[in-house]
Full PDB file with SEQRES, HELIX, SHEET, SSBOND, CRYST1, ORIGX, SCALE, CONECT and MASTER records, all heavy atoms in Angstrom:
SEQRES   1 A   36  LYS SER LEU ASN ASN HIS ILE GLU LEU ALA SER THR PRO          
SEQRES   2 A   36  GLU GLU ILE HIS ALA ARG VAL ARG LEU MET VAL THR ASP          
SEQRES   3 A   36  PRO GLN ARG GLN ARG ARG SER ASP PRO GLY                      
HELIX    1 AA1 PRO A   13  ARG A   21  1                                   9    
CRYST1    1.000    1.000    1.000  90.00  90.00  90.00 P 1           1          
ORIGX1      1.000000  0.000000  0.000000        0.00000                         
ORIGX2      0.000000  1.000000  0.000000        0.00000                         
ORIGX3      0.000000  0.000000  1.000000        0.00000                         
SCALE1      1.000000  0.000000  0.000000        0.00000                         
SCALE2      0.000000  1.000000  0.000000        0.00000                         
SCALE3      0.000000  0.000000  1.000000        0.00000                         
ATOM      1  N   LYS A   1      13.871   1.715  -4.755  1.00  0.00           N  
ATOM      2  CA  LYS A   1      13.465   2.023  -6.134  1.00  0.00           C  
ATOM      3  C   LYS A   1      13.695   0.860  -7.081  1.00  0.00           C  
ATOM      4  O   LYS A   1      12.921   0.642  -7.994  1.00  0.00           O  
ATOM      5  CB  LYS A   1      14.233   3.271  -6.613  1.00  0.00           C  
ATOM      6  CG  LYS A   1      13.852   4.542  -5.899  1.00  0.00           C  
ATOM      7  CD  LYS A   1      14.664   5.725  -6.369  1.00  0.00           C  
ATOM      8  CE  LYS A   1      14.289   6.145  -7.794  1.00  0.00           C  
ATOM      9  NZ  LYS A   1      14.980   7.385  -8.204  1.00  0.00           N  
ATOM     10  N   SER A   2      14.790   0.149  -6.853  1.00  0.00           N  
ATOM     11  CA  SER A   2      15.119  -0.965  -7.747  1.00  0.00           C  
ATOM     12  C   SER A   2      14.062  -2.074  -7.684  1.00  0.00           C  
ATOM     13  O   SER A   2      13.875  -2.809  -8.648  1.00  0.00           O  
ATOM     14  CB  SER A   2      16.505  -1.535  -7.409  1.00  0.00           C  
ATOM     15  OG  SER A   2      16.526  -2.068  -6.121  1.00  0.00           O  
ATOM     16  N   LEU A   3      13.389  -2.179  -6.555  1.00  0.00           N  
ATOM     17  CA  LEU A   3      12.335  -3.187  -6.408  1.00  0.00           C  
ATOM     18  C   LEU A   3      10.951  -2.625  -6.712  1.00  0.00           C  
ATOM     19  O   LEU A   3       9.943  -3.316  -6.637  1.00  0.00           O  
ATOM     20  CB  LEU A   3      12.346  -3.746  -4.985  1.00  0.00           C  
ATOM     21  CG  LEU A   3      13.606  -4.512  -4.550  1.00  0.00           C  
ATOM     22  CD1 LEU A   3      13.540  -4.915  -3.084  1.00  0.00           C  
ATOM     23  CD2 LEU A   3      13.821  -5.721  -5.444  1.00  0.00           C  
ATOM     24  N   ASN A   4      10.891  -1.345  -7.019  1.00  0.00           N  
ATOM     25  CA  ASN A   4       9.637  -0.629  -7.321  1.00  0.00           C  
ATOM     26  C   ASN A   4       8.592  -0.855  -6.226  1.00  0.00           C  
ATOM     27  O   ASN A   4       7.417  -1.054  -6.456  1.00  0.00           O  
ATOM     28  CB  ASN A   4       9.070  -1.121  -8.663  1.00  0.00           C  
ATOM     29  CG  ASN A   4       7.928  -0.226  -9.179  1.00  0.00           C  
ATOM     30  OD1 ASN A   4       7.906   0.972  -8.878  1.00  0.00           O  
ATOM     31  ND2 ASN A   4       6.985  -0.814  -9.872  1.00  0.00           N  
ATOM     32  N   ASN A   5       9.095  -0.808  -4.980  1.00  0.00           N  
ATOM     33  CA  ASN A   5       8.171  -0.963  -3.847  1.00  0.00           C  
ATOM     34  C   ASN A   5       8.188   0.281  -2.972  1.00  0.00           C  
ATOM     35  O   ASN A   5       7.977   0.210  -1.776  1.00  0.00           O  
ATOM     36  CB  ASN A   5       8.544  -2.214  -3.032  1.00  0.00           C  
ATOM     37  CG  ASN A   5       9.882  -2.051  -2.313  1.00  0.00           C  
ATOM     38  OD1 ASN A   5      10.596  -1.063  -2.488  1.00  0.00           O  
ATOM     39  ND2 ASN A   5      10.245  -3.036  -1.516  1.00  0.00           N  
ATOM     40  N   HIS A   6       8.433   1.417  -3.611  1.00  0.00           N  
ATOM     41  CA  HIS A   6       8.656   2.668  -2.884  1.00  0.00           C  
ATOM     42  C   HIS A   6       7.519   3.659  -3.107  1.00  0.00           C  
ATOM     43  O   HIS A   6       6.697   3.495  -3.998  1.00  0.00           O  
ATOM     44  CB  HIS A   6       9.962   3.295  -3.331  1.00  0.00           C  
ATOM     45  CG  HIS A   6       9.981   3.689  -4.784  1.00  0.00           C  
ATOM     46  ND1 HIS A   6       9.841   2.773  -5.806  1.00  0.00           N  
ATOM     47  CD2 HIS A   6      10.082   4.911  -5.393  1.00  0.00           C  
ATOM     48  CE1 HIS A   6       9.854   3.382  -6.978  1.00  0.00           C  
ATOM     49  NE2 HIS A   6      10.003   4.683  -6.754  1.00  0.00           N  
ATOM     50  N   ILE A   7       7.523   4.702  -2.263  1.00  0.00           N  
ATOM     51  CA  ILE A   7       6.633   5.847  -2.411  1.00  0.00           C  
ATOM     52  C   ILE A   7       7.513   7.092  -2.444  1.00  0.00           C  
ATOM     53  O   ILE A   7       8.186   7.416  -1.466  1.00  0.00           O  
ATOM     54  CB  ILE A   7       5.628   5.960  -1.257  1.00  0.00           C  
ATOM     55  CG1 ILE A   7       4.751   4.716  -1.170  1.00  0.00           C  
ATOM     56  CG2 ILE A   7       4.757   7.207  -1.403  1.00  0.00           C  
ATOM     57  CD1 ILE A   7       3.823   4.688   0.037  1.00  0.00           C  
ATOM     58  N   GLU A   8       7.551   7.781  -3.570  1.00  0.00           N  
ATOM     59  CA  GLU A   8       8.395   8.939  -3.717  1.00  0.00           C  
ATOM     60  C   GLU A   8       7.857  10.135  -2.931  1.00  0.00           C  
ATOM     61  O   GLU A   8       6.649  10.353  -2.861  1.00  0.00           O  
ATOM     62  CB  GLU A   8       8.544   9.331  -5.215  1.00  0.00           C  
ATOM     63  CG  GLU A   8       9.360   8.351  -6.011  1.00  0.00           C  
ATOM     64  CD  GLU A   8       9.599   8.829  -7.426  1.00  0.00           C  
ATOM     65  OE1 GLU A   8       8.896   9.781  -7.870  1.00  0.00           O  
ATOM     66  OE2 GLU A   8      10.469   8.250  -8.107  1.00  0.00           O  
ATOM     67  N   LEU A   9       8.779  10.909  -2.369  1.00  0.00           N  
ATOM     68  CA  LEU A   9       8.367  12.099  -1.610  1.00  0.00           C  
ATOM     69  C   LEU A   9       7.651  13.106  -2.503  1.00  0.00           C  
ATOM     70  O   LEU A   9       6.770  13.827  -2.043  1.00  0.00           O  
ATOM     71  CB  LEU A   9       9.584  12.749  -0.979  1.00  0.00           C  
ATOM     72  CG  LEU A   9      10.406  11.936   0.019  1.00  0.00           C  
ATOM     73  CD1 LEU A   9      11.587  12.735   0.535  1.00  0.00           C  
ATOM     74  CD2 LEU A   9       9.560  11.453   1.158  1.00  0.00           C  
ATOM     75  N   ALA A  10       8.045  13.156  -3.761  1.00  0.00           N  
ATOM     76  CA  ALA A  10       7.459  14.129  -4.669  1.00  0.00           C  
ATOM     77  C   ALA A  10       6.169  13.642  -5.346  1.00  0.00           C  
ATOM     78  O   ALA A  10       5.639  14.306  -6.236  1.00  0.00           O  
ATOM     79  CB  ALA A  10       8.489  14.486  -5.752  1.00  0.00           C  
ATOM     80  N   SER A  11       5.666  12.505  -4.919  1.00  0.00           N  
ATOM     81  CA  SER A  11       4.426  11.964  -5.510  1.00  0.00           C  
ATOM     82  C   SER A  11       3.263  12.917  -5.303  1.00  0.00           C  
ATOM     83  O   SER A  11       3.169  13.605  -4.287  1.00  0.00           O  
ATOM     84  CB  SER A  11       4.076  10.625  -4.862  1.00  0.00           C  
ATOM     85  OG  SER A  11       5.065   9.642  -5.099  1.00  0.00           O  
ATOM     86  N   THR A  12       2.375  12.974  -6.293  1.00  0.00           N  
ATOM     87  CA  THR A  12       1.154  13.772  -6.142  1.00  0.00           C  
ATOM     88  C   THR A  12       0.226  13.031  -5.158  1.00  0.00           C  
ATOM     89  O   THR A  12       0.404  11.836  -4.895  1.00  0.00           O  
ATOM     90  CB  THR A  12       0.444  13.897  -7.493  1.00  0.00           C  
ATOM     91  OG1 THR A  12       0.011  12.579  -7.915  1.00  0.00           O  
ATOM     92  CG2 THR A  12       1.366  14.522  -8.541  1.00  0.00           C  
ATOM     93  N   PRO A  13      -0.791  13.714  -4.626  1.00  0.00           N  
ATOM     94  CA  PRO A  13      -1.757  13.046  -3.757  1.00  0.00           C  
ATOM     95  C   PRO A  13      -2.378  11.839  -4.451  1.00  0.00           C  
ATOM     96  O   PRO A  13      -2.579  10.788  -3.798  1.00  0.00           O  
ATOM     97  CB  PRO A  13      -2.789  14.131  -3.468  1.00  0.00           C  
ATOM     98  CG  PRO A  13      -1.991  15.408  -3.517  1.00  0.00           C  
ATOM     99  CD  PRO A  13      -0.989  15.189  -4.628  1.00  0.00           C  
ATOM    100  N   GLU A  14      -2.667  11.943  -5.710  1.00  0.00           N  
ATOM    101  CA  GLU A  14      -3.285  10.808  -6.438  1.00  0.00           C  
ATOM    102  C   GLU A  14      -2.302   9.644  -6.510  1.00  0.00           C  
ATOM    103  O   GLU A  14      -2.701   8.477  -6.345  1.00  0.00           O  
ATOM    104  CB  GLU A  14      -3.672  11.250  -7.865  1.00  0.00           C  
ATOM    105  CG  GLU A  14      -4.802  12.284  -7.905  1.00  0.00           C  
ATOM    106  CD  GLU A  14      -4.339  13.680  -7.543  1.00  0.00           C  
ATOM    107  OE1 GLU A  14      -3.107  13.962  -7.581  1.00  0.00           O  
ATOM    108  OE2 GLU A  14      -5.214  14.508  -7.184  1.00  0.00           O  
ATOM    109  N   GLU A  15      -1.021   9.950  -6.750  1.00  0.00           N  
ATOM    110  CA  GLU A  15      -0.024   8.888  -6.809  1.00  0.00           C  
ATOM    111  C   GLU A  15       0.171   8.217  -5.451  1.00  0.00           C  
ATOM    112  O   GLU A  15       0.354   6.998  -5.349  1.00  0.00           O  
ATOM    113  CB  GLU A  15       1.304   9.448  -7.312  1.00  0.00           C  
ATOM    114  CG  GLU A  15       1.277   9.836  -8.797  1.00  0.00           C  
ATOM    115  CD  GLU A  15       2.493  10.631  -9.214  1.00  0.00           C  
ATOM    116  OE1 GLU A  15       3.148  11.258  -8.343  1.00  0.00           O  
ATOM    117  OE2 GLU A  15       2.783  10.640 -10.430  1.00  0.00           O  
ATOM    118  N   ILE A  16       0.124   9.019  -4.395  1.00  0.00           N  
ATOM    119  CA  ILE A  16       0.264   8.440  -3.052  1.00  0.00           C  
ATOM    120  C   ILE A  16      -0.888   7.510  -2.735  1.00  0.00           C  
ATOM    121  O   ILE A  16      -0.690   6.396  -2.243  1.00  0.00           O  
ATOM    122  CB  ILE A  16       0.349   9.576  -1.995  1.00  0.00           C  
ATOM    123  CG1 ILE A  16       1.720  10.282  -2.099  1.00  0.00           C  
ATOM    124  CG2 ILE A  16       0.179   8.990  -0.577  1.00  0.00           C  
ATOM    125  CD1 ILE A  16       1.872  11.455  -1.202  1.00  0.00           C  
ATOM    126  N   HIS A  17      -2.113   7.931  -3.051  1.00  0.00           N  
ATOM    127  CA  HIS A  17      -3.266   7.062  -2.814  1.00  0.00           C  
ATOM    128  C   HIS A  17      -3.111   5.760  -3.605  1.00  0.00           C  
ATOM    129  O   HIS A  17      -3.403   4.662  -3.088  1.00  0.00           O  
ATOM    130  CB  HIS A  17      -4.554   7.768  -3.213  1.00  0.00           C  
ATOM    131  CG  HIS A  17      -5.152   8.591  -2.126  1.00  0.00           C  
ATOM    132  ND1 HIS A  17      -5.656   8.048  -0.942  1.00  0.00           N  
ATOM    133  CD2 HIS A  17      -5.323   9.940  -2.014  1.00  0.00           C  
ATOM    134  CE1 HIS A  17      -6.121   9.005  -0.170  1.00  0.00           C  
ATOM    135  NE2 HIS A  17      -5.924  10.163  -0.780  1.00  0.00           N  
ATOM    136  N   ALA A  18      -2.651   5.857  -4.853  1.00  0.00           N  
ATOM    137  CA  ALA A  18      -2.515   4.667  -5.679  1.00  0.00           C  
ATOM    138  C   ALA A  18      -1.455   3.709  -5.122  1.00  0.00           C  
ATOM    139  O   ALA A  18      -1.673   2.500  -5.105  1.00  0.00           O  
ATOM    140  CB  ALA A  18      -2.147   5.078  -7.114  1.00  0.00           C  
ATOM    141  N   ARG A  19      -0.335   4.266  -4.640  1.00  0.00           N  
ATOM    142  CA  ARG A  19       0.724   3.394  -4.117  1.00  0.00           C  
ATOM    143  C   ARG A  19       0.303   2.788  -2.782  1.00  0.00           C  
ATOM    144  O   ARG A  19       0.579   1.607  -2.489  1.00  0.00           O  
ATOM    145  CB  ARG A  19       2.008   4.182  -3.936  1.00  0.00           C  
ATOM    146  CG  ARG A  19       2.604   4.719  -5.225  1.00  0.00           C  
ATOM    147  CD  ARG A  19       3.032   3.599  -6.158  1.00  0.00           C  
ATOM    148  NE  ARG A  19       4.337   3.072  -5.828  1.00  0.00           N  
ATOM    149  CZ  ARG A  19       4.918   2.040  -6.488  1.00  0.00           C  
ATOM    150  NH1 ARG A  19       4.287   1.454  -7.487  1.00  0.00           N  
ATOM    151  NH2 ARG A  19       6.096   1.619  -6.120  1.00  0.00           N  
ATOM    152  N   VAL A  20      -0.362   3.584  -1.943  1.00  0.00           N  
ATOM    153  CA  VAL A  20      -0.763   3.079  -0.618  1.00  0.00           C  
ATOM    154  C   VAL A  20      -1.803   1.975  -0.783  1.00  0.00           C  
ATOM    155  O   VAL A  20      -1.811   0.987  -0.028  1.00  0.00           O  
ATOM    156  CB  VAL A  20      -1.293   4.218   0.257  1.00  0.00           C  
ATOM    157  CG1 VAL A  20      -1.952   3.679   1.538  1.00  0.00           C  
ATOM    158  CG2 VAL A  20      -0.158   5.182   0.612  1.00  0.00           C  
ATOM    159  N   ARG A  21      -2.684   2.083  -1.783  1.00  0.00           N  
ATOM    160  CA  ARG A  21      -3.662   1.018  -2.017  1.00  0.00           C  
ATOM    161  C   ARG A  21      -3.019  -0.316  -2.273  1.00  0.00           C  
ATOM    162  O   ARG A  21      -3.577  -1.371  -2.017  1.00  0.00           O  
ATOM    163  CB  ARG A  21      -4.589   1.397  -3.160  1.00  0.00           C  
ATOM    164  CG  ARG A  21      -5.718   2.351  -2.788  1.00  0.00           C  
ATOM    165  CD  ARG A  21      -6.824   2.380  -3.854  1.00  0.00           C  
ATOM    166  NE  ARG A  21      -6.323   2.889  -5.138  1.00  0.00           N  
ATOM    167  CZ  ARG A  21      -6.353   4.166  -5.487  1.00  0.00           C  
ATOM    168  NH1 ARG A  21      -6.853   5.059  -4.641  1.00  0.00           N  
ATOM    169  NH2 ARG A  21      -5.913   4.555  -6.668  1.00  0.00           N  
ATOM    170  N   LEU A  22      -1.772  -0.298  -2.804  1.00  0.00           N  
ATOM    171  CA  LEU A  22      -1.061  -1.526  -3.148  1.00  0.00           C  
ATOM    172  C   LEU A  22      -0.330  -2.120  -1.940  1.00  0.00           C  
ATOM    173  O   LEU A  22       0.199  -3.240  -2.045  1.00  0.00           O  
ATOM    174  CB  LEU A  22      -0.038  -1.259  -4.258  1.00  0.00           C  
ATOM    175  CG  LEU A  22      -0.617  -0.815  -5.610  1.00  0.00           C  
ATOM    176  CD1 LEU A  22       0.562  -0.458  -6.556  1.00  0.00           C  
ATOM    177  CD2 LEU A  22      -1.480  -1.891  -6.220  1.00  0.00           C  
ATOM    178  N   MET A  23      -0.296  -1.413  -0.846  1.00  0.00           N  
ATOM    179  CA  MET A  23       0.500  -1.861   0.295  1.00  0.00           C  
ATOM    180  C   MET A  23      -0.073  -3.143   0.899  1.00  0.00           C  
ATOM    181  O   MET A  23      -1.276  -3.279   1.098  1.00  0.00           O  
ATOM    182  CB  MET A  23       0.579  -0.764   1.358  1.00  0.00           C  
ATOM    183  CG  MET A  23       1.404   0.430   0.948  1.00  0.00           C  
ATOM    184  SD  MET A  23       1.544   1.708   2.259  1.00  0.00           S  
ATOM    185  CE  MET A  23       2.646   0.864   3.400  1.00  0.00           C  
ATOM    186  N   VAL A  24       0.835  -4.054   1.205  1.00  0.00           N  
ATOM    187  CA  VAL A  24       0.459  -5.318   1.837  1.00  0.00           C  
ATOM    188  C   VAL A  24       0.262  -5.052   3.347  1.00  0.00           C  
ATOM    189  O   VAL A  24       1.062  -4.376   3.978  1.00  0.00           O  
ATOM    190  CB  VAL A  24       1.544  -6.378   1.644  1.00  0.00           C  
ATOM    191  CG1 VAL A  24       1.235  -7.624   2.458  1.00  0.00           C  
ATOM    192  CG2 VAL A  24       1.678  -6.699   0.171  1.00  0.00           C  
ATOM    193  N   THR A  25      -0.808  -5.566   3.875  1.00  0.00           N  
ATOM    194  CA  THR A  25      -1.083  -5.370   5.304  1.00  0.00           C  
ATOM    195  C   THR A  25      -0.866  -6.690   6.038  1.00  0.00           C  
ATOM    196  O   THR A  25       0.151  -7.355   5.837  1.00  0.00           O  
ATOM    197  CB  THR A  25      -2.521  -4.848   5.504  1.00  0.00           C  
ATOM    198  OG1 THR A  25      -3.440  -5.725   4.838  1.00  0.00           O  
ATOM    199  CG2 THR A  25      -2.676  -3.461   4.893  1.00  0.00           C  
ATOM    200  N   ASP A  26      -1.770  -7.105   6.901  1.00  0.00           N  
ATOM    201  CA  ASP A  26      -1.670  -8.365   7.619  1.00  0.00           C  
ATOM    202  C   ASP A  26      -2.073  -9.493   6.666  1.00  0.00           C  
ATOM    203  O   ASP A  26      -3.229  -9.615   6.277  1.00  0.00           O  
ATOM    204  CB  ASP A  26      -2.612  -8.329   8.829  1.00  0.00           C  
ATOM    205  CG  ASP A  26      -2.583  -9.611   9.660  1.00  0.00           C  
ATOM    206  OD1 ASP A  26      -1.904 -10.575   9.218  1.00  0.00           O  
ATOM    207  OD2 ASP A  26      -3.225  -9.644  10.694  1.00  0.00           O  
ATOM    208  N   PRO A  27      -1.095 -10.361   6.304  1.00  0.00           N  
ATOM    209  CA  PRO A  27      -1.395 -11.413   5.317  1.00  0.00           C  
ATOM    210  C   PRO A  27      -2.431 -12.423   5.799  1.00  0.00           C  
ATOM    211  O   PRO A  27      -3.064 -13.106   4.996  1.00  0.00           O  
ATOM    212  CB  PRO A  27      -0.041 -12.087   5.073  1.00  0.00           C  
ATOM    213  CG  PRO A  27       0.765 -11.764   6.288  1.00  0.00           C  
ATOM    214  CD  PRO A  27       0.300 -10.418   6.752  1.00  0.00           C  
ATOM    215  N   GLN A  28      -2.657 -12.498   7.115  1.00  0.00           N  
ATOM    216  CA  GLN A  28      -3.627 -13.462   7.642  1.00  0.00           C  
ATOM    217  C   GLN A  28      -5.049 -12.887   7.666  1.00  0.00           C  
ATOM    218  O   GLN A  28      -6.009 -13.605   7.945  1.00  0.00           O  
ATOM    219  CB  GLN A  28      -3.224 -13.901   9.044  1.00  0.00           C  
ATOM    220  CG  GLN A  28      -2.003 -14.774   9.101  1.00  0.00           C  
ATOM    221  CD  GLN A  28      -1.718 -15.328  10.492  1.00  0.00           C  
ATOM    222  OE1 GLN A  28      -2.629 -15.342  11.337  1.00  0.00           O  
ATOM    223  NE2 GLN A  28      -0.520 -15.784  10.720  1.00  0.00           N  
ATOM    224  N   ARG A  29      -5.172 -11.607   7.398  1.00  0.00           N  
ATOM    225  CA  ARG A  29      -6.490 -10.985   7.418  1.00  0.00           C  
ATOM    226  C   ARG A  29      -7.078 -11.054   6.032  1.00  0.00           C  
ATOM    227  O   ARG A  29      -6.813 -10.221   5.148  1.00  0.00           O  
ATOM    228  CB  ARG A  29      -6.421  -9.547   7.906  1.00  0.00           C  
ATOM    229  CG  ARG A  29      -7.806  -8.984   8.209  1.00  0.00           C  
ATOM    230  CD  ARG A  29      -7.753  -7.574   8.767  1.00  0.00           C  
ATOM    231  NE  ARG A  29      -9.078  -7.179   9.235  1.00  0.00           N  
ATOM    232  CZ  ARG A  29      -9.426  -5.959   9.586  1.00  0.00           C  
ATOM    233  NH1 ARG A  29      -8.526  -4.980   9.526  1.00  0.00           N  
ATOM    234  NH2 ARG A  29     -10.656  -5.706  10.018  1.00  0.00           N  
ATOM    235  N   GLN A  30      -7.871 -12.072   5.767  1.00  0.00           N  
ATOM    236  CA  GLN A  30      -8.416 -12.331   4.440  1.00  0.00           C  
ATOM    237  C   GLN A  30      -9.743 -11.634   4.179  1.00  0.00           C  
ATOM    238  O   GLN A  30     -10.063 -11.279   3.032  1.00  0.00           O  
ATOM    239  CB  GLN A  30      -8.618 -13.825   4.235  1.00  0.00           C  
ATOM    240  CG  GLN A  30      -7.316 -14.655   4.401  1.00  0.00           C  
ATOM    241  CD  GLN A  30      -6.304 -14.296   3.360  1.00  0.00           C  
ATOM    242  OE1 GLN A  30      -6.618 -14.142   2.156  1.00  0.00           O  
ATOM    243  NE2 GLN A  30      -5.050 -14.136   3.732  1.00  0.00           N  
ATOM    244  N   ARG A  31     -10.532 -11.399   5.226  1.00  0.00           N  
ATOM    245  CA  ARG A  31     -11.873 -10.795   5.075  1.00  0.00           C  
ATOM    246  C   ARG A  31     -11.976  -9.560   5.979  1.00  0.00           C  
ATOM    247  O   ARG A  31     -11.260  -9.439   6.987  1.00  0.00           O  
ATOM    248  CB  ARG A  31     -12.952 -11.802   5.436  1.00  0.00           C  
ATOM    249  CG  ARG A  31     -13.049 -12.975   4.473  1.00  0.00           C  
ATOM    250  CD  ARG A  31     -14.061 -14.012   4.946  1.00  0.00           C  
ATOM    251  NE  ARG A  31     -13.637 -14.609   6.198  1.00  0.00           N  
ATOM    252  CZ  ARG A  31     -12.822 -15.664   6.286  1.00  0.00           C  
ATOM    253  NH1 ARG A  31     -12.339 -16.224   5.187  1.00  0.00           N  
ATOM    254  NH2 ARG A  31     -12.516 -16.156   7.462  1.00  0.00           N  
ATOM    255  N   ARG A  32     -12.881  -8.683   5.616  1.00  0.00           N  
ATOM    256  CA  ARG A  32     -13.123  -7.453   6.399  1.00  0.00           C  
ATOM    257  C   ARG A  32     -13.495  -7.788   7.834  1.00  0.00           C  
ATOM    258  O   ARG A  32     -13.167  -7.067   8.774  1.00  0.00           O  
ATOM    259  CB  ARG A  32     -14.233  -6.651   5.709  1.00  0.00           C  
ATOM    260  CG  ARG A  32     -14.821  -5.499   6.535  1.00  0.00           C  
ATOM    261  CD  ARG A  32     -13.793  -4.384   6.715  1.00  0.00           C  
ATOM    262  NE  ARG A  32     -14.386  -3.219   7.343  1.00  0.00           N  
ATOM    263  CZ  ARG A  32     -14.693  -3.108   8.625  1.00  0.00           C  
ATOM    264  NH1 ARG A  32     -14.456  -4.116   9.470  1.00  0.00           N  
ATOM    265  NH2 ARG A  32     -15.232  -1.994   9.111  1.00  0.00           N  
ATOM    266  N   SER A  33     -14.171  -8.892   8.060  1.00  0.00           N  
ATOM    267  CA  SER A  33     -14.658  -9.258   9.391  1.00  0.00           C  
ATOM    268  C   SER A  33     -13.561  -9.936  10.242  1.00  0.00           C  
ATOM    269  O   SER A  33     -13.769 -10.163  11.442  1.00  0.00           O  
ATOM    270  CB  SER A  33     -15.863 -10.191   9.279  1.00  0.00           C  
ATOM    271  OG  SER A  33     -15.518 -11.339   8.520  1.00  0.00           O  
ATOM    272  N   ASP A  34     -12.405 -10.268   9.636  1.00  0.00           N  
ATOM    273  CA  ASP A  34     -11.334 -10.900  10.393  1.00  0.00           C  
ATOM    274  C   ASP A  34     -10.634  -9.855  11.273  1.00  0.00           C  
ATOM    275  O   ASP A  34     -10.377  -8.744  10.821  1.00  0.00           O  
ATOM    276  CB  ASP A  34     -10.292 -11.498   9.445  1.00  0.00           C  
ATOM    277  CG  ASP A  34     -10.818 -12.673   8.662  1.00  0.00           C  
ATOM    278  OD1 ASP A  34     -11.800 -13.295   9.128  1.00  0.00           O  
ATOM    279  OD2 ASP A  34     -10.259 -12.976   7.607  1.00  0.00           O  
ATOM    280  N   PRO A  35     -10.335 -10.205  12.530  1.00  0.00           N  
ATOM    281  CA  PRO A  35      -9.537  -9.274  13.363  1.00  0.00           C  
ATOM    282  C   PRO A  35      -8.105  -9.164  12.810  1.00  0.00           C  
ATOM    283  O   PRO A  35      -7.550 -10.138  12.324  1.00  0.00           O  
ATOM    284  CB  PRO A  35      -9.572  -9.930  14.747  1.00  0.00           C  
ATOM    285  CG  PRO A  35      -9.854 -11.374  14.487  1.00  0.00           C  
ATOM    286  CD  PRO A  35     -10.711 -11.431  13.281  1.00  0.00           C  
ATOM    287  N   GLY A  36      -7.560  -8.002  12.890  1.00  0.00           N  
ATOM    288  CA  GLY A  36      -6.225  -7.791  12.357  1.00  0.00           C  
ATOM    289  C   GLY A  36      -5.139  -7.814  13.439  1.00  0.00           C  
ATOM    290  O   GLY A  36      -5.435  -7.819  14.624  1.00  0.00           O  
TER     291      GLY A  36                                                      
MASTER        0    0    0    1    0    0    0    6  290    1    0    3          
END                                                                             
């Protein structure tokens, strides 16, 4: 929580979608066509 990089259990579905959209994935995958 102190780093604000969390997803609360009590989040609404809309809040979960918003937080998940911010999640970092494979940093080397720059384009949709790149293999992950």
